[in-house]
Amino acid sequence: DNSIKIAYDRLKDLDSAIIVTADHETGGLKYKDGETKDDIKNSLYTTKTHTGTNVKYFIFVKGLSADELKAIIPEKIDNTD
């Protein structure tokens, strides 16, 4: 969260895009609703390798609304592109 805030604070007024994602999902993490990051332990992972689960991405571009971004950026992006 701190890294994202620093990037946003530095770039929010510039002609820049901020893109946050992961290169892969790992571990098949399974947890219950309401659990916090402090509750998460290694035993909650269902695998010790990568899974085929898609990861989310978050994009901020100054002056574009979420709907405008959705119109120009696909829902799924192949991270090998």
N, C-alpha and C. Protein backbone atom coordinates (compact mmCIF):
# COMPACT_ATOMS: atom_id res chain seq x y z
N ASP A 1 0.81 -1.19 0.00
CA ASP A 1 0.00 0.00 0.00
C ASP A 1 0.86 1.26 0.00
N ASN A 2 1.94 1.25 0.76
CA ASN A 2 2.80 2.44 0.83
C ASN A 2 3.45 2.72 -0.52
N SER A 3 3.90 1.69 -1.20
CA SER A 3 4.55 1.88 -2.51
C SER A 3 3.58 2.46 -3.52
N ILE A 4 2.35 1.98 -3.50
CA ILE A 4 1.34 2.49 -4.43
C ILE A 4 1.04 3.95 -4.11
N LYS A 5 0.92 4.29 -2.85
CA LYS A 5 0.65 5.67 -2.46
C LYS A 5 1.78 6.59 -2.90
N ILE A 6 3.02 6.15 -2.73
CA ILE A 6 4.17 6.96 -3.15
C ILE A 6 4.13 7.18 -4.66
N ALA A 7 3.89 6.12 -5.42
CA ALA A 7 3.81 6.25 -6.87
C ALA A 7 2.68 7.19 -7.27
N TYR A 8 1.52 7.03 -6.66
CA TYR A 8 0.37 7.88 -6.97
C TYR A 8 0.68 9.34 -6.63
N ASP A 9 1.21 9.60 -5.46
CA ASP A 9 1.51 10.97 -5.06
C ASP A 9 2.51 11.63 -6.01
N ARG A 10 3.46 10.87 -6.53
CA ARG A 10 4.47 11.43 -7.43
C ARG A 10 3.96 11.61 -8.84
N LEU A 11 3.04 10.76 -9.29
CA LEU A 11 2.66 10.73 -10.69
C LEU A 11 1.26 11.23 -11.00
N LYS A 12 0.43 11.46 -10.00
CA LYS A 12 -0.98 11.75 -10.23
C LYS A 12 -1.22 12.98 -11.09
N ASP A 13 -0.32 13.94 -11.09
CA ASP A 13 -0.51 15.16 -11.86
C ASP A 13 0.25 15.16 -13.18
N LEU A 14 0.94 14.09 -13.49
CA LEU A 14 1.72 13.98 -14.72
C LEU A 14 0.96 13.16 -15.76
N ASP A 15 1.41 13.23 -16.99
CA ASP A 15 0.81 12.41 -18.05
C ASP A 15 1.42 11.02 -17.98
N SER A 16 1.05 10.29 -16.95
CA SER A 16 1.59 8.96 -16.70
C SER A 16 0.45 8.02 -16.34
N ALA A 17 0.70 6.75 -16.54
CA ALA A 17 -0.24 5.71 -16.09
C ALA A 17 0.42 4.96 -14.95
N ILE A 18 -0.38 4.57 -13.99
CA ILE A 18 0.08 3.71 -12.91
C ILE A 18 -0.63 2.37 -13.08
N ILE A 19 0.15 1.32 -13.25
CA ILE A 19 -0.39 -0.02 -13.44
C ILE A 19 0.15 -0.92 -12.34
N VAL A 20 -0.76 -1.57 -11.63
CA VAL A 20 -0.37 -2.45 -10.53
C VAL A 20 -0.93 -3.84 -10.82
N THR A 21 -0.06 -4.83 -10.78
CA THR A 21 -0.49 -6.21 -10.99
C THR A 21 0.55 -7.15 -10.39
N ALA A 22 0.35 -8.42 -10.58
CA ALA A 22 1.32 -9.44 -10.17
C ALA A 22 1.73 -10.21 -11.42
N ASP A 23 2.91 -10.79 -11.41
CA ASP A 23 3.32 -11.57 -12.57
C ASP A 23 2.66 -12.95 -12.58
N HIS A 24 2.18 -13.41 -11.45
CA HIS A 24 1.46 -14.68 -11.36
C HIS A 24 0.81 -14.81 -9.98
N GLU A 25 -0.15 -15.70 -9.92
CA GLU A 25 -0.78 -16.05 -8.65
C GLU A 25 -0.04 -17.27 -8.12
N THR A 26 0.26 -17.28 -6.87
CA THR A 26 1.04 -18.38 -6.31
C THR A 26 0.34 -18.97 -5.09
N GLY A 27 0.36 -20.24 -5.01
CA GLY A 27 0.01 -20.89 -3.76
C GLY A 27 -1.42 -21.30 -3.55
N GLY A 28 -2.36 -20.86 -4.41
CA GLY A 28 -3.74 -21.25 -4.19
C GLY A 28 -4.23 -20.89 -2.80
N LEU A 29 -3.99 -19.66 -2.38
CA LEU A 29 -4.35 -19.22 -1.03
C LEU A 29 -5.85 -19.36 -0.80
N LYS A 30 -6.21 -20.02 0.27
CA LYS A 30 -7.62 -20.20 0.66
C LYS A 30 -7.80 -19.65 2.06
N TYR A 31 -8.70 -18.71 2.20
CA TYR A 31 -8.97 -18.14 3.52
C TYR A 31 -10.45 -17.82 3.63
N LYS A 32 -10.90 -17.58 4.84
CA LYS A 32 -12.31 -17.31 5.11
C LYS A 32 -12.56 -15.81 5.07
N ASP A 33 -13.78 -15.43 4.69
CA ASP A 33 -14.16 -14.01 4.74
C ASP A 33 -13.93 -13.47 6.14
N GLY A 34 -13.39 -12.28 6.21
CA GLY A 34 -13.17 -11.64 7.49
C GLY A 34 -11.77 -11.85 8.04
N GLU A 35 -11.02 -12.80 7.48
CA GLU A 35 -9.65 -13.00 7.95
C GLU A 35 -8.78 -11.84 7.47
N THR A 36 -7.87 -11.43 8.31
CA THR A 36 -6.98 -10.33 7.97
C THR A 36 -5.64 -10.89 7.51
N LYS A 37 -4.78 -10.01 6.99
CA LYS A 37 -3.47 -10.48 6.54
C LYS A 37 -2.67 -11.06 7.71
N ASP A 38 -2.95 -10.63 8.92
CA ASP A 38 -2.27 -11.18 10.09
C ASP A 38 -2.70 -12.62 10.38
N ASP A 39 -3.90 -13.00 9.89
CA ASP A 39 -4.40 -14.36 10.11
C ASP A 39 -3.83 -15.36 9.11
N ILE A 40 -3.28 -14.87 8.01
CA ILE A 40 -2.82 -15.75 6.94
C ILE A 40 -1.50 -16.41 7.33
N LYS A 41 -1.49 -17.73 7.20
CA LYS A 41 -0.30 -18.52 7.54
C LYS A 41 0.03 -19.41 6.35
N ASN A 42 1.24 -19.92 6.31
CA ASN A 42 1.66 -20.79 5.21
C ASN A 42 0.75 -21.98 5.03
N SER A 43 0.11 -22.45 6.10
CA SER A 43 -0.75 -23.63 6.00
C SER A 43 -2.01 -23.36 5.19
N LEU A 44 -2.30 -22.11 4.87
CA LEU A 44 -3.50 -21.79 4.11
C LEU A 44 -3.28 -21.92 2.60
N TYR A 45 -2.04 -22.16 2.17
CA TYR A 45 -1.76 -22.33 0.74
C TYR A 45 -2.05 -23.77 0.33
N THR A 46 -2.67 -23.94 -0.82
CA THR A 46 -3.06 -25.28 -1.27
C THR A 46 -2.02 -25.91 -2.19
N THR A 47 -1.01 -25.16 -2.61
CA THR A 47 0.05 -25.68 -3.46
C THR A 47 1.34 -24.90 -3.19
N LYS A 48 2.45 -25.48 -3.56
CA LYS A 48 3.73 -24.80 -3.39
C LYS A 48 4.25 -24.25 -4.71
N THR A 49 3.41 -24.28 -5.75
CA THR A 49 3.80 -23.78 -7.07
C THR A 49 2.79 -22.76 -7.56
N HIS A 50 3.02 -22.26 -8.76
CA HIS A 50 2.08 -21.31 -9.36
C HIS A 50 0.79 -22.03 -9.71
N THR A 51 -0.28 -21.28 -9.76
CA THR A 51 -1.55 -21.82 -10.23
C THR A 51 -1.89 -21.15 -11.55
N GLY A 52 -2.94 -21.59 -12.19
CA GLY A 52 -3.38 -20.99 -13.44
C GLY A 52 -4.39 -19.87 -13.23
N THR A 53 -4.54 -19.42 -12.01
CA THR A 53 -5.51 -18.38 -11.69
C THR A 53 -5.09 -17.03 -12.27
N ASN A 54 -6.03 -16.35 -12.91
CA ASN A 54 -5.74 -15.00 -13.41
C ASN A 54 -5.52 -14.06 -12.23
N VAL A 55 -4.68 -13.05 -12.44
CA VAL A 55 -4.46 -12.04 -11.41
C VAL A 55 -5.12 -10.74 -11.86
N LYS A 56 -5.53 -9.95 -10.90
CA LYS A 56 -6.17 -8.67 -11.20
C LYS A 56 -5.12 -7.64 -11.54
N TYR A 57 -5.55 -6.61 -12.23
CA TYR A 57 -4.69 -5.45 -12.44
C TYR A 57 -5.49 -4.20 -12.14
N PHE A 58 -4.79 -3.17 -11.75
CA PHE A 58 -5.40 -1.90 -11.39
C PHE A 58 -4.65 -0.81 -12.14
N ILE A 59 -5.41 0.09 -12.80
CA ILE A 59 -4.79 1.12 -13.62
C ILE A 59 -5.37 2.48 -13.26
N PHE A 60 -4.47 3.47 -13.15
CA PHE A 60 -4.88 4.86 -12.96
C PHE A 60 -4.25 5.68 -14.08
N VAL A 61 -5.07 6.45 -14.77
CA VAL A 61 -4.59 7.41 -15.76
C VAL A 61 -5.29 8.72 -15.48
N LYS A 62 -4.51 9.76 -15.25
CA LYS A 62 -5.09 11.07 -14.94
C LYS A 62 -6.08 11.47 -16.03
N GLY A 63 -7.27 11.88 -15.60
CA GLY A 63 -8.28 12.37 -16.53
C GLY A 63 -9.18 11.32 -17.13
N LEU A 64 -8.95 10.04 -16.84
CA LEU A 64 -9.81 8.99 -17.38
C LEU A 64 -10.59 8.32 -16.25
N SER A 65 -11.88 8.17 -16.49
CA SER A 65 -12.73 7.49 -15.50
C SER A 65 -12.57 5.98 -15.65
N ALA A 66 -13.08 5.25 -14.69
CA ALA A 66 -13.04 3.78 -14.75
C ALA A 66 -13.76 3.28 -16.00
N ASP A 67 -14.89 3.88 -16.35
CA ASP A 67 -15.63 3.46 -17.54
C ASP A 67 -14.84 3.73 -18.81
N GLU A 68 -14.14 4.86 -18.87
CA GLU A 68 -13.31 5.17 -20.04
C GLU A 68 -12.15 4.17 -20.16
N LEU A 69 -11.56 3.82 -19.04
CA LEU A 69 -10.48 2.82 -19.07
C LEU A 69 -11.00 1.46 -19.53
N LYS A 70 -12.18 1.07 -19.03
CA LYS A 70 -12.77 -0.22 -19.42
C LYS A 70 -13.03 -0.28 -20.92
N ALA A 71 -13.33 0.89 -21.53
CA ALA A 71 -13.62 0.93 -22.97
C ALA A 71 -12.37 0.72 -23.82
N ILE A 72 -11.19 1.00 -23.29
CA ILE A 72 -9.97 0.91 -24.10
C ILE A 72 -9.00 -0.19 -23.65
N ILE A 73 -9.20 -0.74 -22.47
CA ILE A 73 -8.30 -1.78 -21.96
C ILE A 73 -9.10 -3.06 -21.78
N PRO A 74 -8.63 -4.17 -22.35
CA PRO A 74 -9.39 -5.42 -22.25
C PRO A 74 -9.48 -5.93 -20.81
N GLU A 75 -10.51 -6.74 -20.57
CA GLU A 75 -10.70 -7.32 -19.24
C GLU A 75 -9.55 -8.26 -18.88
N LYS A 76 -9.08 -9.00 -19.86
CA LYS A 76 -7.95 -9.91 -19.65
C LYS A 76 -6.79 -9.46 -20.53
N ILE A 77 -5.60 -9.45 -19.95
CA ILE A 77 -4.39 -9.09 -20.68
C ILE A 77 -3.42 -10.26 -20.57
N ASP A 78 -2.92 -10.72 -21.71
CA ASP A 78 -1.92 -11.78 -21.71
C ASP A 78 -0.60 -11.17 -21.27
N ASN A 79 -0.08 -11.58 -20.13
CA ASN A 79 1.13 -10.94 -19.61
C ASN A 79 2.38 -11.31 -20.38
N THR A 80 2.23 -12.10 -21.44
CA THR A 80 3.37 -12.35 -22.31
C THR A 80 3.40 -11.38 -23.48
N ASP A 81 2.38 -10.53 -23.59
CA ASP A 81 2.35 -9.53 -24.67
C ASP A 81 3.41 -8.47 -24.46
